[in-house]
C-alpha atoms as a PDB file:
ATOM      1  CA  MET A   1     -33.994  92.377 -39.490  1.00  0.00           C
ATOM      2  CA  THR A   2     -37.342  91.352 -38.037  1.00  0.00           C
ATOM      3  CA  PRO A   3     -38.206  92.789 -34.637  1.00  0.00           C
ATOM      4  CA  GLN A   4     -37.125  90.666 -31.742  1.00  0.00           C
ATOM      5  CA  LEU A   5     -36.855  90.519 -27.965  1.00  0.00           C
ATOM      6  CA  THR A   6     -33.309  90.441 -26.620  1.00  0.00           C
ATOM      7  CA  LEU A   7     -32.450  89.877 -22.959  1.00  0.00           C
ATOM      8  CA  LEU A   8     -29.048  91.090 -21.765  1.00  0.00           C
ATOM      9  CA  THR A   9     -27.988  89.683 -18.420  1.00  0.00           C
ATOM     10  CA  GLY A  10     -24.819  89.545 -16.356  1.00  0.00           C
ATOM     11  CA  GLY A  11     -23.205  90.852 -13.232  1.00  0.00           C
ATOM     12  CA  VAL A  12     -22.865  94.424 -12.047  1.00  0.00           C
ATOM     13  CA  ARG A  13     -20.705  96.529 -14.382  1.00  0.00           C
ATOM     14  CA  SER A  14     -20.409  93.696 -16.903  1.00  0.00           C
ATOM     15  CA  GLY A  15     -21.264  95.947 -19.851  1.00  0.00           C
ATOM     16  CA  LYS A  16     -25.002  95.230 -20.136  1.00  0.00           C
ATOM     17  CA  SER A  17     -26.192  98.821 -20.471  1.00  0.00           C
ATOM     18  CA  ALA A  18     -23.473  99.771 -22.946  1.00  0.00           C
ATOM     19  CA  ARG A  19     -24.344  96.728 -25.047  1.00  0.00           C
ATOM     20  CA  ALA A  20     -28.053  97.630 -24.904  1.00  0.00           C
ATOM     21  CA  LEU A  21     -27.253 101.109 -26.209  1.00  0.00           C
ATOM     22  CA  SER A  22     -25.132  99.793 -29.069  1.00  0.00           C
ATOM     23  CA  LEU A  23     -27.710  97.152 -30.063  1.00  0.00           C
ATOM     24  CA  ALA A  24     -30.495  99.740 -29.970  1.00  0.00           C
ATOM     25  CA  ALA A  25     -28.504 102.132 -32.148  1.00  0.00           C
ATOM     26  CA  GLU A  26     -27.817  99.321 -34.659  1.00  0.00           C
ATOM     27  CA  ARG A  27     -31.446  98.234 -34.817  1.00  0.00           C
ATOM     28  CA  ALA A  28     -33.074 101.660 -34.780  1.00  0.00           C
ATOM     29  CA  LYS A  29     -31.893 102.812 -38.184  1.00  0.00           C
ATOM     30  CA  ALA A  30     -33.657 106.163 -38.715  1.00  0.00           C
ATOM     31  CA  LYS A  31     -36.558 105.595 -36.308  1.00  0.00           C
ATOM     32  CA  PRO A  32     -36.596 106.722 -32.664  1.00  0.00           C
ATOM     33  CA  VAL A  33     -35.708 104.592 -29.666  1.00  0.00           C
ATOM     34  CA  LEU A  34     -37.807 104.597 -26.498  1.00  0.00           C
ATOM     35  CA  PHE A  35     -35.634 104.134 -23.424  1.00  0.00           C
ATOM     36  CA  VAL A  36     -37.537 102.988 -20.320  1.00  0.00           C
ATOM     37  CA  ALA A  37     -35.590 103.858 -17.169  1.00  0.00           C
ATOM     38  CA  THR A  38     -36.569 102.185 -13.895  1.00  0.00           C
ATOM     39  CA  ALA A  39     -34.047 103.800 -11.535  1.00  0.00           C
ATOM     40  CA  GLN A  40     -35.052 106.185  -8.772  1.00  0.00           C
ATOM     41  CA  ALA A  41     -32.775 108.974  -7.564  1.00  0.00           C
ATOM     42  CA  PHE A  42     -32.930 108.620  -3.790  1.00  0.00           C
ATOM     43  CA  ASP A  43     -29.533 110.227  -3.143  1.00  0.00           C
ATOM     44  CA  ASP A  44     -26.832 112.321  -4.825  1.00  0.00           C
ATOM     45  CA  GLU A  45     -24.768 109.325  -5.884  1.00  0.00           C
ATOM     46  CA  MET A  46     -27.772 107.771  -7.672  1.00  0.00           C
ATOM     47  CA  ARG A  47     -28.642 111.127  -9.263  1.00  0.00           C
ATOM     48  CA  ASP A  48     -25.080 111.249 -10.622  1.00  0.00           C
ATOM     49  CA  ARG A  49     -25.359 107.700 -11.976  1.00  0.00           C
ATOM     50  CA  ILE A  50     -28.656 108.495 -13.684  1.00  0.00           C
ATOM     51  CA  ALA A  51     -27.192 111.659 -15.219  1.00  0.00           C
ATOM     52  CA  ALA A  52     -24.186 109.701 -16.508  1.00  0.00           C
ATOM     53  CA  HIS A  53     -26.471 107.078 -18.077  1.00  0.00           C
ATOM     54  CA  LYS A  54     -28.566 109.813 -19.720  1.00  0.00           C
ATOM     55  CA  ALA A  55     -25.431 111.381 -21.167  1.00  0.00           C
ATOM     56  CA  GLU A  56     -24.495 108.043 -22.794  1.00  0.00           C
ATOM     57  CA  ARG A  57     -27.788 107.852 -24.732  1.00  0.00           C
ATOM     58  CA  ALA A  58     -28.361 109.431 -28.114  1.00  0.00           C
ATOM     59  CA  THR A  59     -29.964 112.857 -27.748  1.00  0.00           C
ATOM     60  CA  ASP A  60     -32.829 112.003 -30.105  1.00  0.00           C
ATOM     61  CA  TRP A  61     -33.943 109.015 -28.025  1.00  0.00           C
ATOM     62  CA  GLU A  62     -37.050 109.429 -25.889  1.00  0.00           C
ATOM     63  CA  THR A  63     -36.948 108.488 -22.224  1.00  0.00           C
ATOM     64  CA  LEU A  64     -39.839 107.160 -20.181  1.00  0.00           C
ATOM     65  CA  GLU A  65     -39.014 107.124 -16.473  1.00  0.00           C
ATOM     66  CA  GLU A  66     -41.111 104.628 -14.558  1.00  0.00           C
ATOM     67  CA  PRO A  67     -39.912 102.791 -11.444  1.00  0.00           C
ATOM     68  CA  ILE A  68     -42.942 100.564 -10.748  1.00  0.00           C
ATOM     69  CA  ASP A  69     -45.788 100.431 -13.279  1.00  0.00           C
ATOM     70  CA  VAL A  70     -43.631  99.805 -16.346  1.00  0.00           C
ATOM     71  CA  ALA A  71     -46.167  97.685 -18.258  1.00  0.00           C
ATOM     72  CA  GLU A  72     -49.013 100.183 -17.969  1.00  0.00           C
ATOM     73  CA  ARG A  73     -46.901 103.269 -18.722  1.00  0.00           C
ATOM     74  CA  LEU A  74     -45.360 101.492 -21.693  1.00  0.00           C
ATOM     75  CA  ARG A  75     -48.789 100.346 -22.901  1.00  0.00           C
ATOM     76  CA  VAL A  76     -50.044 103.946 -22.859  1.00  0.00           C
ATOM     77  CA  GLN A  77     -46.898 105.322 -24.518  1.00  0.00           C
ATOM     78  CA  LEU A  78     -46.968 102.729 -27.283  1.00  0.00           C
ATOM     79  CA  ALA A  79     -50.732 103.137 -27.848  1.00  0.00           C
ATOM     80  CA  ARG A  80     -50.211 106.871 -28.413  1.00  0.00           C
ATOM     81  CA  ASN A  81     -47.249 106.252 -30.706  1.00  0.00           C
ATOM     82  CA  ALA A  82     -48.047 102.889 -32.285  1.00  0.00           C
ATOM     83  CA  ASP A  83     -45.541 102.980 -35.123  1.00  0.00           C
ATOM     84  CA  ARG A  84     -43.103 105.562 -33.833  1.00  0.00           C
ATOM     85  CA  TYR A  85     -40.375 103.431 -32.244  1.00  0.00           C
ATOM     86  CA  ALA A  86     -38.005 100.943 -33.845  1.00  0.00           C
ATOM     87  CA  VAL A  87     -36.635  99.802 -30.488  1.00  0.00           C
ATOM     88  CA  VAL A  88     -37.762  99.820 -26.866  1.00  0.00           C
ATOM     89  CA  VAL A  89     -34.961  99.489 -24.296  1.00  0.00           C
ATOM     90  CA  ILE A  90     -35.852  98.640 -20.698  1.00  0.00           C
ATOM     91  CA  ASP A  91     -33.002  99.266 -18.275  1.00  0.00           C
ATOM     92  CA  CYS A  92     -33.379  97.511 -15.979  1.00  0.00           C
ATOM     93  CA  LEU A  93     -35.460  94.693 -14.544  1.00  0.00           C
ATOM     94  CA  THR A  94     -33.137  94.520 -11.556  1.00  0.00           C
ATOM     95  CA  LEU A  95     -34.199  97.921 -10.231  1.00  0.00           C
ATOM     96  CA  TRP A  96     -37.801  97.436 -11.336  1.00  0.00           C
ATOM     97  CA  VAL A  97     -38.115  94.236  -9.281  1.00  0.00           C
ATOM     98  CA  SER A  98     -36.505  95.960  -6.295  1.00  0.00           C
ATOM     99  CA  ASN A  99     -38.905  98.909  -6.608  1.00  0.00           C
ATOM    100  CA  LEU A 100     -41.902  96.580  -6.860  1.00  0.00           C
ATOM    101  CA  LEU A 101     -40.781  94.418  -3.959  1.00  0.00           C
ATOM    102  CA  LEU A 102     -40.274  97.412  -1.690  1.00  0.00           C
ATOM    103  CA  SER A 103     -43.706  98.808  -2.626  1.00  0.00           C
ATOM    104  CA  LEU A 104     -45.542  95.654  -1.544  1.00  0.00           C
ATOM    105  CA  PRO A 105     -46.741  94.774   1.945  1.00  0.00           C
ATOM    106  CA  GLU A 106     -44.383  92.393   3.724  1.00  0.00           C
ATOM    107  CA  ASP A 107     -46.944  89.593   3.760  1.00  0.00           C
ATOM    108  CA  ALA A 108     -47.709  89.830   0.022  1.00  0.00           C
ATOM    109  CA  ASP A 109     -46.808  86.966  -2.281  1.00  0.00           C
ATOM    110  CA  ALA A 110     -44.182  89.143  -3.932  1.00  0.00           C
ATOM    111  CA  GLU A 111     -42.854  86.497  -6.278  1.00  0.00           C
ATOM    112  CA  GLN A 112     -46.323  85.836  -7.741  1.00  0.00           C
ATOM    113  CA  ILE A 113     -47.259  89.519  -7.960  1.00  0.00           C
ATOM    114  CA  ILE A 114     -43.987  90.419  -9.648  1.00  0.00           C
ATOM    115  CA  ALA A 115     -44.245  87.439 -12.010  1.00  0.00           C
ATOM    116  CA  GLY A 116     -47.725  88.692 -12.983  1.00  0.00           C
ATOM    117  CA  GLY A 117     -46.301  92.147 -13.664  1.00  0.00           C
ATOM    118  CA  THR A 118     -43.635  90.539 -15.815  1.00  0.00           C
ATOM    119  CA  ARG A 119     -46.241  88.676 -17.845  1.00  0.00           C
ATOM    120  CA  ASP A 120     -48.076  91.987 -18.340  1.00  0.00           C
ATOM    121  CA  LEU A 121     -44.862  93.633 -19.527  1.00  0.00           C
ATOM    122  CA  LEU A 122     -44.150  90.783 -21.947  1.00  0.00           C
ATOM    123  CA  ALA A 123     -47.712  91.047 -23.303  1.00  0.00           C
ATOM    124  CA  VAL A 124     -47.232  94.765 -23.989  1.00  0.00           C
ATOM    125  CA  LEU A 125     -43.985  94.049 -25.829  1.00  0.00           C
ATOM    126  CA  ALA A 126     -45.555  91.170 -27.764  1.00  0.00           C
ATOM    127  CA  ALA A 127     -48.328  93.494 -28.942  1.00  0.00           C
ATOM    128  CA  VAL A 128     -45.768  95.711 -30.710  1.00  0.00           C
ATOM    129  CA  SER A 129     -43.323  92.972 -31.667  1.00  0.00           C
ATOM    130  CA  THR A 130     -44.183  93.173 -35.359  1.00  0.00           C
ATOM    131  CA  ARG A 131     -43.120  96.817 -35.409  1.00  0.00           C
ATOM    132  CA  ALA A 132     -40.469  97.278 -32.738  1.00  0.00           C
ATOM    133  CA  SER A 133     -37.640  95.292 -31.197  1.00  0.00           C
ATOM    134  CA  ALA A 134     -37.175  95.225 -27.443  1.00  0.00           C
ATOM    135  CA  ILE A 135     -33.944  95.050 -25.493  1.00  0.00           C
ATOM    136  CA  ILE A 136     -34.224  94.281 -21.803  1.00  0.00           C
ATOM    137  CA  VAL A 137     -31.380  94.589 -19.300  1.00  0.00           C
ATOM    138  CA  THR A 138     -31.225  92.619 -16.054  1.00  0.00           C
ATOM    139  CA  ASN A 139     -28.686  91.357 -13.538  1.00  0.00           C
ATOM    140  CA  GLU A 140     -27.996  87.712 -12.876  1.00  0.00           C
ATOM    141  CA  VAL A 141     -28.130  87.494  -9.087  1.00  0.00           C
ATOM    142  CA  GLY A 142     -28.326  83.715  -8.795  1.00  0.00           C
ATOM    143  CA  LEU A 143     -24.594  83.122  -9.089  1.00  0.00           C
ATOM    144  CA  GLY A 144     -23.647  84.679  -5.773  1.00  0.00           C
ATOM    145  CA  VAL A 145     -24.021  83.723  -2.158  1.00  0.00           C
ATOM    146  CA  VAL A 146     -27.390  83.226  -0.508  1.00  0.00           C
ATOM    147  CA  PRO A 147     -28.461  86.629   0.874  1.00  0.00           C
ATOM    148  CA  PRO A 148     -28.316  86.760   4.687  1.00  0.00           C
ATOM    149  CA  THR A 149     -31.703  88.505   5.081  1.00  0.00           C
ATOM    150  CA  ALA A 150     -35.249  87.392   4.326  1.00  0.00           C
ATOM    151  CA  LEU A 151     -35.780  90.480   2.146  1.00  0.00           C
ATOM    152  CA  GLY A 152     -32.610  89.715   0.198  1.00  0.00           C
ATOM    153  CA  ARG A 153     -33.747  86.144  -0.410  1.00  0.00           C
ATOM    154  CA  ARG A 154     -37.226  87.310  -1.490  1.00  0.00           C
ATOM    155  CA  TYR A 155     -35.572  89.725  -3.911  1.00  0.00           C
ATOM    156  CA  ARG A 156     -33.216  87.078  -5.334  1.00  0.00           C
ATOM    157  CA  ASP A 157     -36.101  84.647  -5.802  1.00  0.00           C
ATOM    158  CA  ALA A 158     -38.387  87.247  -7.423  1.00  0.00           C
ATOM    159  CA  LEU A 159     -35.701  88.483  -9.809  1.00  0.00           C
ATOM    160  CA  GLY A 160     -34.703  84.913 -10.651  1.00  0.00           C
ATOM    161  CA  ARG A 161     -38.315  84.135 -11.591  1.00  0.00           C
ATOM    162  CA  VAL A 162     -38.578  87.347 -13.659  1.00  0.00           C
ATOM    163  CA  ASN A 163     -35.357  86.556 -15.486  1.00  0.00           C
ATOM    164  CA  GLN A 164     -36.611  83.047 -16.289  1.00  0.00           C
ATOM    165  CA  LEU A 165     -39.909  84.369 -17.660  1.00  0.00           C
ATOM    166  CA  VAL A 166     -38.232  86.981 -19.842  1.00  0.00           C
ATOM    167  CA  ALA A 167     -35.534  84.573 -21.045  1.00  0.00           C
ATOM    168  CA  ALA A 168     -38.210  82.050 -22.054  1.00  0.00           C
ATOM    169  CA  ALA A 169     -40.028  84.715 -24.091  1.00  0.00           C
ATOM    170  CA  ALA A 170     -36.860  86.199 -25.588  1.00  0.00           C
ATOM    171  CA  ASP A 171     -35.665  85.496 -29.098  1.00  0.00           C
ATOM    172  CA  GLU A 172     -32.098  85.774 -27.866  1.00  0.00           C
ATOM    173  CA  VAL A 173     -30.382  85.897 -24.483  1.00  0.00           C
ATOM    174  CA  ILE A 174     -26.881  87.263 -24.060  1.00  0.00           C
ATOM    175  CA  LEU A 175     -24.809  86.970 -20.897  1.00  0.00           C
ATOM    176  CA  LEU A 176     -22.213  89.709 -20.561  1.00  0.00           C
ATOM    177  CA  VAL A 177     -19.007  88.804 -18.777  1.00  0.00           C
ATOM    178  CA  SER A 178     -16.371  91.547 -18.481  1.00  0.00           C
ATOM    179  CA  GLY A 179     -17.892  93.320 -21.472  1.00  0.00           C
ATOM    180  CA  ILE A 180     -17.857  90.203 -23.656  1.00  0.00           C
ATOM    181  CA  ASP A 181     -21.041  88.711 -25.107  1.00  0.00           C
ATOM    182  CA  VAL A 182     -21.684  85.045 -24.355  1.00  0.00           C
ATOM    183  CA  VAL A 183     -24.747  83.970 -26.325  1.00  0.00           C
ATOM    184  CA  ILE A 184     -26.939  81.787 -24.150  1.00  0.00           C
ATOM    185  CA  LYS A 185     -29.940  81.592 -26.484  1.00  0.00           C
ATOM    186  CA  PRO A 186     -29.099  82.390 -30.102  1.00  0.00           C
ATOM    187  CA  ARG A 187     -31.557  84.077 -32.426  1.00  0.00           C
ATOM    188  CA  GLY A 188     -33.602  81.445 -34.239  1.00  0.00           C
END
């Protein structure tokens, strides 16, 4: 199978991360997987969630933890290990966008800044696309109610833009609903 970019999207607890792990294992064959984790452990409950996610991954996978500067950290990691990885998994854009948004000044054009960061991330993945597949996990937040706060609306808009950019670049897009794959954009 030629390397490809796959976007997995869906609601909370729809099975996105589990599907990312199974796809990565299928595509990796005998080469290592690089798992890029964007979560931050701000409290005990989140530390427990992160530990549970780590326990679900294969022990020989490498983990790169980066909550904000994913493109640059990934660029450096892949430059050092150009042909090492068969698959790069990024889990997830949802937390990455939240982390970025909260790191910006309130008056910043968050949507544009985050879209620029997304383009940088896609460029890094495109640079290794002949050697490694990428699987990106995100949440679809546009199907719910309009958030009641300005910050919530800025977040929804920024993540919606990010999801559109990644989906446009992806070779395939899969929506997960109750653990079931619904192919939105089939592999060419």
